Amino acid sequence: MSKRRAFTLIELLVVIAIFAILAALATSAITGTLAKGRETKCASNLRQIGAGLILFAADHDGDLPETTHSNGAQFRRAWIFTLKPYLADCDEVRISPADPLGAQRLAENGTSYVLNSWVFVPQYGPFGEVEARFDNLRRLPLPTHTMLAFNVSDQQPASVLNDHTHCDLWPGNWSRVCAEIQPDRHRTGASGKGHLNGASNILYADGHVAAMEASDLHKLVMSQVPVGKPPMETEDILQP
């Protein structure tokens, strides 16, 4: 009659450790897959918004819609609702699945995406004179390299009025950037103190969407580069 061999304590601990490692790997893989899915859906939203902006401009001699900054805070003329006829489902498209305040923004007529003020808000001088104006697609010589929209910051309240940035105040001021947009919107794990671990989708004027690493954006901002300012010549194109 054969004797049964029992597990020793060490063997049991090894088996438990192996199961713990496998569980951690499985959890990490699932978390990564979910994060990638949210990033892909966010990019799809932005591409639809980009198509809507281009169609709107085609119907308005190249002019782009207004933000609540330039229309006197009239939320019914906020750009995301002006685009409604050009979007298949405005409520679906205006909220990012990765936005922790998404449900609140939906209820408050807000959006998870903010427009680049360099493009959509005319730049005025000290005496009210227009110094720069790019709110017409025909004024953008390099649309492939012109940023139109970003992911809104978690610090921004869920209000319809928070639909644009103030990019002219960004150079050298990373805290200002993080107060307006979420540079690490797509990441695994919690957002770090400096918001440098992760990336965020950006919509460009030709309709394409590309992710920019938060660390690359930080490098540009802290180098006093006017991020978001439409490039007029190839020499002006941003190089992280």
C-alpha atoms as a PDB file:
ATOM      1  CA  MET A   1       0.000   0.000   0.000  1.00  0.00           C
ATOM      2  CA  SER A   2       1.576   3.329  -1.109  1.00  0.00           C
ATOM      3  CA  LYS A   3       1.952   6.197   1.277  1.00  0.00           C
ATOM      4  CA  ARG A   4       0.427   9.588   0.378  1.00  0.00           C
ATOM      5  CA  ARG A   5       2.901  12.456   0.334  1.00  0.00           C
ATOM      6  CA  ALA A   6       1.607  15.695   1.884  1.00  0.00           C
ATOM      7  CA  PHE A   7       2.666  19.204   0.808  1.00  0.00           C
ATOM      8  CA  THR A   8       5.290  20.792   2.987  1.00  0.00           C
ATOM      9  CA  LEU A   9       4.716  24.333   4.283  1.00  0.00           C
ATOM     10  CA  ILE A  10       7.350  25.698   1.913  1.00  0.00           C
ATOM     11  CA  GLU A  11       5.724  24.022  -1.093  1.00  0.00           C
ATOM     12  CA  LEU A  12       2.334  25.377  -0.071  1.00  0.00           C
ATOM     13  CA  LEU A  13       3.733  28.899   0.236  1.00  0.00           C
ATOM     14  CA  VAL A  14       5.355  28.620  -3.198  1.00  0.00           C
ATOM     15  CA  VAL A  15       2.046  27.552  -4.754  1.00  0.00           C
ATOM     16  CA  ILE A  16       0.215  30.446  -3.067  1.00  0.00           C
ATOM     17  CA  ALA A  17       2.888  32.886  -4.283  1.00  0.00           C
ATOM     18  CA  ILE A  18       2.567  31.582  -7.860  1.00  0.00           C
ATOM     19  CA  PHE A  19      -1.225  31.993  -7.784  1.00  0.00           C
ATOM     20  CA  ALA A  20      -0.816  35.538  -6.396  1.00  0.00           C
ATOM     21  CA  ILE A  21       1.594  36.453  -9.198  1.00  0.00           C
ATOM     22  CA  LEU A  22      -0.725  34.986 -11.862  1.00  0.00           C
ATOM     23  CA  ALA A  23      -3.692  36.882 -10.387  1.00  0.00           C
ATOM     24  CA  ALA A  24      -1.721  40.138 -10.386  1.00  0.00           C
ATOM     25  CA  LEU A  25      -0.673  39.610 -14.011  1.00  0.00           C
ATOM     26  CA  ALA A  26      -4.258  38.859 -15.031  1.00  0.00           C
ATOM     27  CA  THR A  27      -5.563  41.957 -13.221  1.00  0.00           C
ATOM     28  CA  SER A  28      -2.905  44.121 -14.859  1.00  0.00           C
ATOM     29  CA  ALA A  29      -3.748  42.748 -18.306  1.00  0.00           C
ATOM     30  CA  ILE A  30      -7.482  43.355 -17.812  1.00  0.00           C
ATOM     31  CA  THR A  31      -6.851  46.890 -16.501  1.00  0.00           C
ATOM     32  CA  GLY A  32      -4.590  47.636 -19.460  1.00  0.00           C
ATOM     33  CA  THR A  33      -7.165  46.311 -21.925  1.00  0.00           C
ATOM     34  CA  LEU A  34      -9.945  48.421 -20.410  1.00  0.00           C
ATOM     35  CA  ALA A  35      -7.734  51.534 -20.447  1.00  0.00           C
ATOM     36  CA  LYS A  36      -6.843  50.930 -24.094  1.00  0.00           C
ATOM     37  CA  GLY A  37     -10.518  50.544 -24.932  1.00  0.00           C
ATOM     38  CA  ARG A  38     -11.339  53.886 -23.298  1.00  0.00           C
ATOM     39  CA  GLU A  39      -8.486  55.561 -25.160  1.00  0.00           C
ATOM     40  CA  THR A  40      -9.728  54.151 -28.477  1.00  0.00           C
ATOM     41  CA  LYS A  41     -13.307  55.338 -27.828  1.00  0.00           C
ATOM     42  CA  CYS A  42     -12.018  58.787 -26.823  1.00  0.00           C
ATOM     43  CA  ALA A  43     -10.039  59.017 -30.077  1.00  0.00           C
ATOM     44  CA  SER A  44     -13.172  58.011 -32.006  1.00  0.00           C
ATOM     45  CA  ASN A  45     -15.148  60.779 -30.282  1.00  0.00           C
ATOM     46  CA  LEU A  46     -12.540  63.354 -31.220  1.00  0.00           C
ATOM     47  CA  ARG A  47     -12.423  62.180 -34.834  1.00  0.00           C
ATOM     48  CA  GLN A  48     -16.213  62.615 -35.053  1.00  0.00           C
ATOM     49  CA  ILE A  49     -15.904  66.083 -33.524  1.00  0.00           C
ATOM     50  CA  GLY A  50     -13.173  66.859 -36.043  1.00  0.00           C
ATOM     51  CA  ALA A  51     -15.396  65.758 -38.920  1.00  0.00           C
ATOM     52  CA  GLY A  52     -18.195  67.900 -37.499  1.00  0.00           C
ATOM     53  CA  LEU A  53     -15.947  70.954 -37.271  1.00  0.00           C
ATOM     54  CA  ILE A  54     -14.811  70.522 -40.880  1.00  0.00           C
ATOM     55  CA  LEU A  55     -18.385  70.118 -42.119  1.00  0.00           C
ATOM     56  CA  PHE A  56     -19.501  73.160 -40.098  1.00  0.00           C
ATOM     57  CA  ALA A  57     -16.666  75.226 -41.586  1.00  0.00           C
ATOM     58  CA  ALA A  58     -17.610  74.100 -45.100  1.00  0.00           C
ATOM     59  CA  ASP A  59     -21.132  75.455 -44.515  1.00  0.00           C
ATOM     60  CA  HIS A  60     -19.887  78.763 -43.029  1.00  0.00           C
ATOM     61  CA  ASP A  61     -17.198  79.962 -45.450  1.00  0.00           C
ATOM     62  CA  GLY A  62     -14.453  78.351 -43.383  1.00  0.00           C
ATOM     63  CA  ASP A  63     -15.520  79.856 -40.051  1.00  0.00           C
ATOM     64  CA  LEU A  64     -15.327  77.634 -36.980  1.00  0.00           C
ATOM     65  CA  PRO A  65     -17.966  77.602 -34.191  1.00  0.00           C
ATOM     66  CA  GLU A  66     -17.744  79.781 -31.086  1.00  0.00           C
ATOM     67  CA  THR A  67     -16.771  78.807 -27.564  1.00  0.00           C
ATOM     68  CA  THR A  68     -18.595  80.189 -24.530  1.00  0.00           C
ATOM     69  CA  HIS A  69     -15.655  82.605 -24.163  1.00  0.00           C
ATOM     70  CA  SER A  70     -16.328  84.310 -27.464  1.00  0.00           C
ATOM     71  CA  ASN A  71     -20.151  84.138 -27.441  1.00  0.00           C
ATOM     72  CA  GLY A  72     -20.727  85.810 -24.083  1.00  0.00           C
ATOM     73  CA  ALA A  73     -21.299  82.568 -22.133  1.00  0.00           C
ATOM     74  CA  GLN A  74     -24.429  81.676 -24.098  1.00  0.00           C
ATOM     75  CA  PHE A  75     -24.414  77.944 -23.537  1.00  0.00           C
ATOM     76  CA  ARG A  76     -26.914  77.200 -26.297  1.00  0.00           C
ATOM     77  CA  ARG A  77     -24.304  78.578 -28.701  1.00  0.00           C
ATOM     78  CA  ALA A  78     -21.495  76.524 -27.155  1.00  0.00           C
ATOM     79  CA  TRP A  79     -19.537  74.811 -29.903  1.00  0.00           C
ATOM     80  CA  ILE A  80     -20.490  71.264 -28.928  1.00  0.00           C
ATOM     81  CA  PHE A  81     -24.203  72.094 -29.395  1.00  0.00           C
ATOM     82  CA  THR A  82     -23.605  74.168 -32.518  1.00  0.00           C
ATOM     83  CA  LEU A  83     -22.095  70.993 -33.963  1.00  0.00           C
ATOM     84  CA  LYS A  84     -25.099  68.855 -32.983  1.00  0.00           C
ATOM     85  CA  PRO A  85     -26.548  68.734 -36.531  1.00  0.00           C
ATOM     86  CA  TYR A  86     -23.180  67.439 -37.739  1.00  0.00           C
ATOM     87  CA  LEU A  87     -22.828  64.663 -35.140  1.00  0.00           C
ATOM     88  CA  ALA A  88     -24.625  61.329 -35.148  1.00  0.00           C
ATOM     89  CA  ASP A  89     -25.090  61.389 -31.356  1.00  0.00           C
ATOM     90  CA  CYS A  90     -23.952  64.564 -29.620  1.00  0.00           C
ATOM     91  CA  ASP A  91     -24.472  63.215 -26.093  1.00  0.00           C
ATOM     92  CA  GLU A  92     -22.441  60.100 -26.883  1.00  0.00           C
ATOM     93  CA  VAL A  93     -19.600  61.959 -28.590  1.00  0.00           C
ATOM     94  CA  ARG A  94     -19.161  64.848 -26.151  1.00  0.00           C
ATOM     95  CA  ILE A  95     -18.245  62.649 -23.173  1.00  0.00           C
ATOM     96  CA  SER A  96     -15.024  60.650 -22.908  1.00  0.00           C
ATOM     97  CA  PRO A  97     -15.372  57.206 -21.316  1.00  0.00           C
ATOM     98  CA  ALA A  98     -12.154  57.959 -19.403  1.00  0.00           C
ATOM     99  CA  ASP A  99     -13.523  61.174 -17.866  1.00  0.00           C
ATOM    100  CA  PRO A 100     -14.320  60.588 -14.151  1.00  0.00           C
ATOM    101  CA  LEU A 101     -16.730  63.545 -14.277  1.00  0.00           C
ATOM    102  CA  GLY A 102     -18.385  62.351 -17.477  1.00  0.00           C
ATOM    103  CA  ALA A 103     -21.831  61.753 -15.998  1.00  0.00           C
ATOM    104  CA  GLN A 104     -21.839  65.170 -14.316  1.00  0.00           C
ATOM    105  CA  ARG A 105     -20.687  66.930 -17.491  1.00  0.00           C
ATOM    106  CA  LEU A 106     -23.448  65.195 -19.420  1.00  0.00           C
ATOM    107  CA  ALA A 107     -26.044  66.412 -16.906  1.00  0.00           C
ATOM    108  CA  GLU A 108     -24.654  69.967 -16.899  1.00  0.00           C
ATOM    109  CA  ASN A 109     -24.526  70.294 -20.702  1.00  0.00           C
ATOM    110  CA  GLY A 110     -20.737  70.163 -20.571  1.00  0.00           C
ATOM    111  CA  THR A 111     -18.181  68.190 -22.537  1.00  0.00           C
ATOM    112  CA  SER A 112     -15.039  66.156 -21.887  1.00  0.00           C
ATOM    113  CA  TYR A 113     -13.252  68.062 -24.652  1.00  0.00           C
ATOM    114  CA  VAL A 114     -11.996  71.638 -24.727  1.00  0.00           C
ATOM    115  CA  LEU A 115     -11.076  73.699 -27.765  1.00  0.00           C
ATOM    116  CA  ASN A 116      -7.725  75.350 -28.356  1.00  0.00           C
ATOM    117  CA  SER A 117      -8.148  79.051 -27.554  1.00  0.00           C
ATOM    118  CA  TRP A 118      -5.349  80.004 -29.959  1.00  0.00           C
ATOM    119  CA  VAL A 119      -7.595  78.853 -32.813  1.00  0.00           C
ATOM    120  CA  PHE A 120     -11.125  79.492 -31.572  1.00  0.00           C
ATOM    121  CA  VAL A 121     -10.729  82.679 -29.501  1.00  0.00           C
ATOM    122  CA  PRO A 122      -9.428  85.829 -31.272  1.00  0.00           C
ATOM    123  CA  GLN A 123      -6.352  87.382 -29.610  1.00  0.00           C
ATOM    124  CA  TYR A 124      -6.893  91.032 -28.671  1.00  0.00           C
ATOM    125  CA  GLY A 125      -4.366  93.751 -27.825  1.00  0.00           C
ATOM    126  CA  PRO A 126      -4.453  96.168 -24.869  1.00  0.00           C
ATOM    127  CA  PHE A 127      -6.711  98.596 -26.744  1.00  0.00           C
ATOM    128  CA  GLY A 128      -9.175  96.016 -28.017  1.00  0.00           C
ATOM    129  CA  GLU A 129      -7.515  95.610 -31.386  1.00  0.00           C
ATOM    130  CA  VAL A 130      -7.374  92.132 -32.928  1.00  0.00           C
ATOM    131  CA  GLU A 131      -3.786  90.926 -32.850  1.00  0.00           C
ATOM    132  CA  ALA A 132      -4.335  87.430 -34.210  1.00  0.00           C
ATOM    133  CA  ARG A 133      -7.307  85.483 -35.498  1.00  0.00           C
ATOM    134  CA  PHE A 134      -7.295  81.843 -36.610  1.00  0.00           C
ATOM    135  CA  ASP A 135     -10.978  80.865 -36.221  1.00  0.00           C
ATOM    136  CA  ASN A 136     -11.338  80.048 -39.894  1.00  0.00           C
ATOM    137  CA  LEU A 137      -9.929  76.870 -41.422  1.00  0.00           C
ATOM    138  CA  ARG A 138      -8.662  78.892 -44.375  1.00  0.00           C
ATOM    139  CA  ARG A 139      -6.339  80.806 -42.027  1.00  0.00           C
ATOM    140  CA  LEU A 140      -4.551  77.607 -41.020  1.00  0.00           C
ATOM    141  CA  PRO A 141      -1.735  76.883 -43.497  1.00  0.00           C
ATOM    142  CA  LEU A 142      -0.607  73.697 -41.716  1.00  0.00           C
ATOM    143  CA  PRO A 143      -3.799  71.963 -40.509  1.00  0.00           C
ATOM    144  CA  THR A 144      -2.026  68.629 -39.956  1.00  0.00           C
ATOM    145  CA  HIS A 145       0.036  70.269 -37.210  1.00  0.00           C
ATOM    146  CA  THR A 146      -2.632  72.611 -35.794  1.00  0.00           C
ATOM    147  CA  MET A 147      -4.198  71.451 -32.516  1.00  0.00           C
ATOM    148  CA  LEU A 148      -7.961  71.920 -32.204  1.00  0.00           C
ATOM    149  CA  ALA A 149      -9.110  70.053 -29.094  1.00  0.00           C
ATOM    150  CA  PHE A 150      -7.839  68.422 -25.897  1.00  0.00           C
ATOM    151  CA  ASN A 151      -9.229  66.323 -23.041  1.00  0.00           C
ATOM    152  CA  VAL A 152     -10.552  68.556 -20.266  1.00  0.00           C
ATOM    153  CA  SER A 153      -8.850  68.527 -16.864  1.00  0.00           C
ATOM    154  CA  ASP A 154     -10.371  66.701 -13.904  1.00  0.00           C
ATOM    155  CA  GLN A 155      -9.935  70.008 -12.063  1.00  0.00           C
ATOM    156  CA  GLN A 156     -12.468  71.726 -14.313  1.00  0.00           C
ATOM    157  CA  PRO A 157     -16.020  71.707 -12.875  1.00  0.00           C
ATOM    158  CA  ALA A 158     -18.767  70.006 -14.864  1.00  0.00           C
ATOM    159  CA  SER A 159     -20.062  73.199 -16.473  1.00  0.00           C
ATOM    160  CA  VAL A 160     -21.044  74.026 -20.040  1.00  0.00           C
ATOM    161  CA  LEU A 161     -18.815  77.116 -19.726  1.00  0.00           C
ATOM    162  CA  ASN A 162     -15.663  74.996 -19.493  1.00  0.00           C
ATOM    163  CA  ASP A 163     -15.401  74.279 -23.207  1.00  0.00           C
ATOM    164  CA  HIS A 164     -12.141  76.036 -24.089  1.00  0.00           C
ATOM    165  CA  THR A 165      -8.560  76.544 -22.938  1.00  0.00           C
ATOM    166  CA  HIS A 166      -6.337  79.589 -22.422  1.00  0.00           C
ATOM    167  CA  CYS A 167      -3.260  78.265 -24.199  1.00  0.00           C
ATOM    168  CA  ASP A 168      -1.583  81.666 -24.406  1.00  0.00           C
ATOM    169  CA  LEU A 169      -1.014  81.354 -20.627  1.00  0.00           C
ATOM    170  CA  TRP A 170       0.604  77.912 -20.827  1.00  0.00           C
ATOM    171  CA  PRO A 171       4.288  78.601 -21.648  1.00  0.00           C
ATOM    172  CA  GLY A 172       6.385  77.823 -18.582  1.00  0.00           C
ATOM    173  CA  ASN A 173       3.291  77.107 -16.455  1.00  0.00           C
ATOM    174  CA  TRP A 174       2.658  73.359 -16.172  1.00  0.00           C
ATOM    175  CA  SER A 175       0.191  73.766 -13.307  1.00  0.00           C
ATOM    176  CA  ARG A 176      -1.950  75.983 -15.561  1.00  0.00           C
ATOM    177  CA  VAL A 177      -1.875  73.332 -18.281  1.00  0.00           C
ATOM    178  CA  CYS A 178      -2.988  70.629 -15.828  1.00  0.00           C
ATOM    179  CA  ALA A 179      -5.767  72.890 -14.542  1.00  0.00           C
ATOM    180  CA  GLU A 180      -7.242  73.122 -18.059  1.00  0.00           C
ATOM    181  CA  ILE A 181      -6.470  69.826 -19.780  1.00  0.00           C
ATOM    182  CA  GLN A 182      -5.673  66.290 -18.587  1.00  0.00           C
ATOM    183  CA  PRO A 183      -2.275  65.433 -20.133  1.00  0.00           C
ATOM    184  CA  ASP A 184      -2.321  61.938 -18.574  1.00  0.00           C
ATOM    185  CA  ARG A 185      -5.957  61.120 -19.360  1.00  0.00           C
ATOM    186  CA  HIS A 186      -4.999  57.692 -20.690  1.00  0.00           C
ATOM    187  CA  ARG A 187      -2.844  55.728 -18.280  1.00  0.00           C
ATOM    188  CA  THR A 188      -2.876  52.671 -16.062  1.00  0.00           C
ATOM    189  CA  GLY A 189      -3.087  53.384 -12.367  1.00  0.00           C
ATOM    190  CA  ALA A 190      -3.690  56.616 -10.503  1.00  0.00           C
ATOM    191  CA  SER A 191      -2.623  60.005 -11.818  1.00  0.00           C
ATOM    192  CA  GLY A 192       0.744  61.055 -10.387  1.00  0.00           C
ATOM    193  CA  LYS A 193       1.311  64.383  -8.696  1.00  0.00           C
ATOM    194  CA  GLY A 194       2.934  65.902 -11.775  1.00  0.00           C
ATOM    195  CA  HIS A 195       0.542  64.238 -14.277  1.00  0.00           C
ATOM    196  CA  LEU A 196       3.518  62.968 -16.271  1.00  0.00           C
ATOM    197  CA  ASN A 197       2.697  59.253 -16.438  1.00  0.00           C
ATOM    198  CA  GLY A 198       0.413  58.676 -19.393  1.00  0.00           C
ATOM    199  CA  ALA A 199      -0.795  60.325 -22.578  1.00  0.00           C
ATOM    200  CA  SER A 200      -3.775  62.209 -23.960  1.00  0.00           C
ATOM    201  CA  ASN A 201      -5.533  62.347 -27.334  1.00  0.00           C
ATOM    202  CA  ILE A 202      -5.362  65.575 -29.346  1.00  0.00           C
ATOM    203  CA  LEU A 203      -7.527  66.511 -32.338  1.00  0.00           C
ATOM    204  CA  TYR A 204      -5.833  68.296 -35.249  1.00  0.00           C
ATOM    205  CA  ALA A 205      -7.340  70.602 -37.884  1.00  0.00           C
ATOM    206  CA  ASP A 206      -7.141  68.041 -40.688  1.00  0.00           C
ATOM    207  CA  GLY A 207      -9.367  65.730 -38.635  1.00  0.00           C
ATOM    208  CA  HIS A 208      -6.786  63.231 -37.432  1.00  0.00           C
ATOM    209  CA  VAL A 209      -6.247  62.359 -33.768  1.00  0.00           C
ATOM    210  CA  ALA A 210      -2.925  61.528 -32.147  1.00  0.00           C
ATOM    211  CA  ALA A 211      -1.882  60.784 -28.582  1.00  0.00           C
ATOM    212  CA  MET A 212       0.847  62.908 -26.991  1.00  0.00           C
ATOM    213  CA  GLU A 213       2.834  61.677 -24.020  1.00  0.00           C
ATOM    214  CA  ALA A 214       2.387  63.900 -20.974  1.00  0.00           C
ATOM    215  CA  SER A 215       6.161  63.992 -20.488  1.00  0.00           C
ATOM    216  CA  ASP A 216       6.647  65.326 -24.037  1.00  0.00           C
ATOM    217  CA  LEU A 217       4.011  68.020 -23.529  1.00  0.00           C
ATOM    218  CA  HIS A 218       5.642  68.969 -20.227  1.00  0.00           C
ATOM    219  CA  LYS A 219       8.995  69.361 -21.964  1.00  0.00           C
ATOM    220  CA  LEU A 220       7.493  71.726 -24.546  1.00  0.00           C
ATOM    221  CA  VAL A 221       5.609  73.795 -21.983  1.00  0.00           C
ATOM    222  CA  MET A 222       8.598  74.205 -19.669  1.00  0.00           C
ATOM    223  CA  SER A 223      10.732  75.215 -22.671  1.00  0.00           C
ATOM    224  CA  GLN A 224       8.403  78.220 -23.097  1.00  0.00           C
ATOM    225  CA  VAL A 225       7.053  76.835 -26.386  1.00  0.00           C
ATOM    226  CA  PRO A 226       3.627  78.346 -27.252  1.00  0.00           C
ATOM    227  CA  VAL A 227       1.812  75.001 -27.381  1.00  0.00           C
ATOM    228  CA  GLY A 228      -1.387  75.243 -29.393  1.00  0.00           C
ATOM    229  CA  LYS A 229      -0.384  78.295 -31.431  1.00  0.00           C
ATOM    230  CA  PRO A 230      -1.077  77.468 -35.092  1.00  0.00           C
ATOM    231  CA  PRO A 231       2.189  77.008 -37.017  1.00  0.00           C
ATOM    232  CA  MET A 232       2.466  79.355 -39.965  1.00  0.00           C
ATOM    233  CA  GLU A 233       5.615  77.774 -41.422  1.00  0.00           C
ATOM    234  CA  THR A 234       7.256  74.358 -41.177  1.00  0.00           C
ATOM    235  CA  GLU A 235       9.838  75.848 -38.802  1.00  0.00           C
ATOM    236  CA  ASP A 236       7.024  76.469 -36.302  1.00  0.00           C
ATOM    237  CA  ILE A 237       5.994  72.812 -36.042  1.00  0.00           C
ATOM    238  CA  LEU A 238       6.392  71.495 -32.510  1.00  0.00           C
ATOM    239  CA  GLN A 239       9.170  69.012 -31.884  1.00  0.00           C
ATOM    240  CA  PRO A 240       8.940  67.309 -28.455  1.00  0.00           C
END
